[in-house]
Protein backbone atom coordinates (compact mmCIF):
# COMPACT_ATOMS: atom_id res chain seq x y z
CA UNK A 1 121.62 103.52 69.79
CA UNK A 2 121.97 104.22 73.51
CA UNK A 3 121.05 101.48 75.97
CA UNK A 4 119.87 104.06 78.50
CA UNK A 5 116.31 105.32 78.54
CA UNK A 6 116.62 107.73 81.46
CA UNK A 7 114.20 110.37 80.16
CA UNK A 8 111.33 108.05 79.19
CA UNK A 9 111.87 105.83 82.25
CA UNK A 10 111.75 108.91 84.49
CA UNK A 11 108.60 110.14 82.75
CA UNK A 12 107.00 106.71 83.18
CA UNK A 13 107.92 106.41 86.86
CA UNK A 14 107.31 110.01 87.97
CA UNK A 15 103.97 110.10 86.15
CA UNK A 16 102.63 106.97 87.84
CA UNK A 17 104.06 108.03 91.21
CA UNK A 18 102.25 111.38 91.04
CA UNK A 19 99.02 109.74 89.86
CA UNK A 20 99.15 107.13 92.65
CA UNK A 21 100.15 109.57 95.38
CA UNK A 22 97.65 112.23 94.38
CA UNK A 23 94.74 109.83 94.19
CA UNK A 24 95.59 108.26 97.55
CA UNK A 25 96.08 111.64 99.24
CA UNK A 26 92.79 112.86 97.80
CA UNK A 27 90.85 109.87 99.10
CA UNK A 28 92.48 109.90 102.53
CA UNK A 29 93.45 113.52 103.11
CA UNK A 30 91.16 115.74 101.07
CA UNK A 31 87.95 113.76 101.37
CA UNK A 32 88.73 112.92 105.01
CA UNK A 33 89.40 116.54 105.91
CA UNK A 34 86.38 117.99 104.14
CA UNK A 35 84.12 115.54 105.99
CA UNK A 36 85.08 117.46 109.15
CA UNK A 37 83.56 120.74 107.92
CA UNK A 38 80.67 121.84 110.15
CA UNK A 39 78.40 122.82 107.25
CA UNK A 40 77.21 119.72 105.28
CA UNK A 41 76.93 121.75 102.05
CA UNK A 42 80.48 123.03 102.46
CA UNK A 43 81.79 119.45 102.74
CA UNK A 44 80.82 118.61 99.19
CA UNK A 45 81.87 121.91 97.67
CA UNK A 46 85.31 122.01 99.33
CA UNK A 47 86.07 118.48 98.22
CA UNK A 48 85.03 119.35 94.67
CA UNK A 49 87.23 122.47 94.69
CA UNK A 50 90.22 120.44 95.87
CA UNK A 51 89.74 117.73 93.26
CA UNK A 52 89.25 120.36 90.53
CA UNK A 53 92.58 121.95 91.51
CA UNK A 54 94.28 118.55 91.35
CA UNK A 55 92.69 117.57 88.02
CA UNK A 56 95.17 119.34 85.67
CA UNK A 57 98.12 117.92 87.62
CA UNK A 58 96.56 114.47 87.47
CA UNK A 59 95.99 114.80 83.72
CA UNK A 60 99.62 115.85 83.26
CA UNK A 61 100.82 112.91 85.40
CA UNK A 62 98.74 110.46 83.36
CA UNK A 63 100.03 111.94 80.09
CA UNK A 64 103.66 111.91 81.23
CA UNK A 65 103.30 108.31 82.41
CA UNK A 66 101.71 107.29 79.10
CA UNK A 67 104.38 108.97 76.98
CA UNK A 68 107.12 107.44 79.10
CA UNK A 69 105.49 104.01 78.93
CA UNK A 70 105.17 104.18 75.16
CA UNK A 71 108.81 105.24 74.92
CA UNK A 72 109.91 102.29 77.08
CA UNK A 73 107.89 99.82 75.02
CA UNK A 74 109.44 101.19 71.84
CA UNK A 75 112.97 101.14 73.28
CA UNK A 76 112.54 97.62 74.67
CA UNK A 77 110.37 96.11 71.95
CA UNK A 78 112.81 93.28 71.24
CA UNK A 79 113.04 92.26 74.89
CA UNK A 80 109.29 92.63 75.39
CA UNK A 81 108.66 90.29 72.45
CA UNK A 82 111.31 87.70 73.32
CA UNK A 83 111.75 87.58 77.10
CA UNK A 84 109.36 85.25 78.94
CA UNK A 85 106.94 87.28 81.05
CA UNK A 86 107.91 90.68 79.65
CA UNK A 87 105.20 90.78 76.99
CA UNK A 88 102.39 89.63 79.26
CA UNK A 89 103.46 92.07 81.98
CA UNK A 90 103.44 94.89 79.44
CA UNK A 91 99.99 93.97 78.10
CA UNK A 92 98.43 93.64 81.58
CA UNK A 93 100.08 96.85 82.75
CA UNK A 94 98.83 98.73 79.69
CA UNK A 95 95.30 97.41 80.27
CA UNK A 96 95.37 98.48 83.92
CA UNK A 97 96.65 101.91 82.85
CA UNK A 98 93.76 102.36 80.43
CA UNK A 99 91.28 101.21 83.11
CA UNK A 100 92.76 103.57 85.73
CA UNK A 101 92.72 106.48 83.26
CA UNK A 102 89.08 105.76 82.40
CA UNK A 103 88.12 105.62 86.07
CA UNK A 104 90.02 108.85 86.73
CA UNK A 105 88.13 110.61 83.94
CA UNK A 106 84.81 109.16 85.10
CA UNK A 107 85.50 110.25 88.68
CA UNK A 108 85.91 113.81 87.39
CA UNK A 109 82.47 113.60 85.77
CA UNK A 110 80.98 112.25 89.00
CA UNK A 111 82.75 114.97 90.97
CA UNK A 112 81.07 117.64 88.82
CA UNK A 113 77.71 116.03 89.57
CA UNK A 114 78.46 116.11 93.30
CA UNK A 115 79.46 119.79 93.12
CA UNK A 116 76.31 120.67 91.15
CA UNK A 117 74.27 119.14 93.99
CA UNK A 118 76.45 120.39 96.87
CA UNK A 119 73.59 122.48 98.27
CA UNK A 120 71.94 119.20 99.34
CA UNK A 121 74.85 118.56 101.71
CA UNK A 122 76.42 115.30 102.70
CA UNK A 123 78.03 113.43 105.56
CA UNK A 124 81.24 113.55 103.55
CA UNK A 125 82.48 113.88 99.97
CA UNK A 126 81.41 110.32 99.19
CA UNK A 127 78.84 109.76 101.95
CA UNK A 128 75.33 111.02 101.16
CA UNK A 129 73.31 113.01 103.64
CA UNK A 130 69.69 112.37 104.52
CA UNK A 131 68.49 115.02 102.03
CA UNK A 132 70.52 113.67 99.10
CA UNK A 133 68.67 113.22 95.82
CA UNK A 134 68.96 109.97 93.90
CA UNK A 135 71.39 111.66 91.48
CA UNK A 136 73.68 112.88 94.26
CA UNK A 137 73.46 109.62 96.18
CA UNK A 138 74.39 107.58 93.07
CA UNK A 139 77.34 109.82 92.23
CA UNK A 140 78.66 109.67 95.80
CA UNK A 141 78.25 105.90 96.05
CA UNK A 142 80.17 105.40 92.80
CA UNK A 143 82.90 107.79 93.95
CA UNK A 144 83.11 105.89 97.22
CA UNK A 145 84.36 102.85 95.28
CA UNK A 146 86.35 104.65 92.57
CA UNK A 147 88.34 106.77 95.05
CA UNK A 148 89.93 103.52 96.29
CA UNK A 149 90.03 101.66 92.97
CA UNK A 150 92.33 104.27 91.39
CA UNK A 151 95.13 104.01 93.99
CA UNK A 152 94.82 100.21 93.96
CA UNK A 153 95.20 100.13 90.17
CA UNK A 154 98.00 102.71 90.04
CA UNK A 155 99.79 100.98 92.93
CA UNK A 156 99.58 97.72 91.00
CA UNK A 157 101.01 99.47 87.94
CA UNK A 158 103.90 100.72 90.10
CA UNK A 159 104.63 97.18 91.29
CA UNK A 160 104.45 95.81 87.77
CA UNK A 161 106.98 98.44 86.70
CA UNK A 162 109.27 97.17 89.45
CA UNK A 163 108.89 93.64 88.11
CA UNK A 164 109.87 94.90 84.66
CA UNK A 165 112.95 96.54 86.16
CA UNK A 166 113.91 93.24 87.79
CA UNK A 167 113.50 91.49 84.42
CA UNK A 168 116.16 93.79 82.99
CA UNK A 169 118.87 92.83 85.48
CA UNK A 170 121.77 91.12 83.71
CA UNK A 171 121.29 87.85 85.61
CA UNK A 172 117.62 87.70 84.55
CA UNK A 173 118.50 88.37 80.94
CA UNK A 174 121.21 85.68 80.89
CA UNK A 175 118.95 83.16 82.66
CA UNK A 176 116.17 83.75 80.12
CA UNK A 177 118.59 83.46 77.18
CA UNK A 178 119.85 80.13 78.51
CA UNK A 179 116.25 78.91 78.85
CA UNK A 180 115.58 79.89 75.23
CA UNK A 181 118.44 77.75 74.04
CA UNK A 182 117.54 74.77 76.25
CA UNK A 183 120.35 75.05 78.77
């Protein structure tokens, strides 16, 4: 069996990179830009349109990352089970991935709520206006937190992937084997 996992590693890395970059750009660029619209009702609707256009790409990125991650776990199952730190990194990273995916899906639900109430206007995509109903205000306040939680989680997943790459360097593998045998 080949020692190279180029396809699944690329899927894993490109998927998380797109997910991280898209979520960060949306929070900073899209939501920031739409807050500059003169019409308060347009602010909410334009942000919702932008996020809706990104949603299928985001879903594809999450799927590609998940398939690549599963492929890497399968290909490296022996190392993940035996190498100190590899198993715990994999478990934590998988948990963060599930949490980030759940928050991404939930943010889409909240985004639909914001768009349904766009006629009430807002200071920005996640900042309620004076006329905001309780429903709109709650959705925007939750999105205000989630829009930053997703890039923090996906950025952490990226870093944890880097740690896993470092664990696969020959010197790390030899060092861990020597530790296993008490040398």
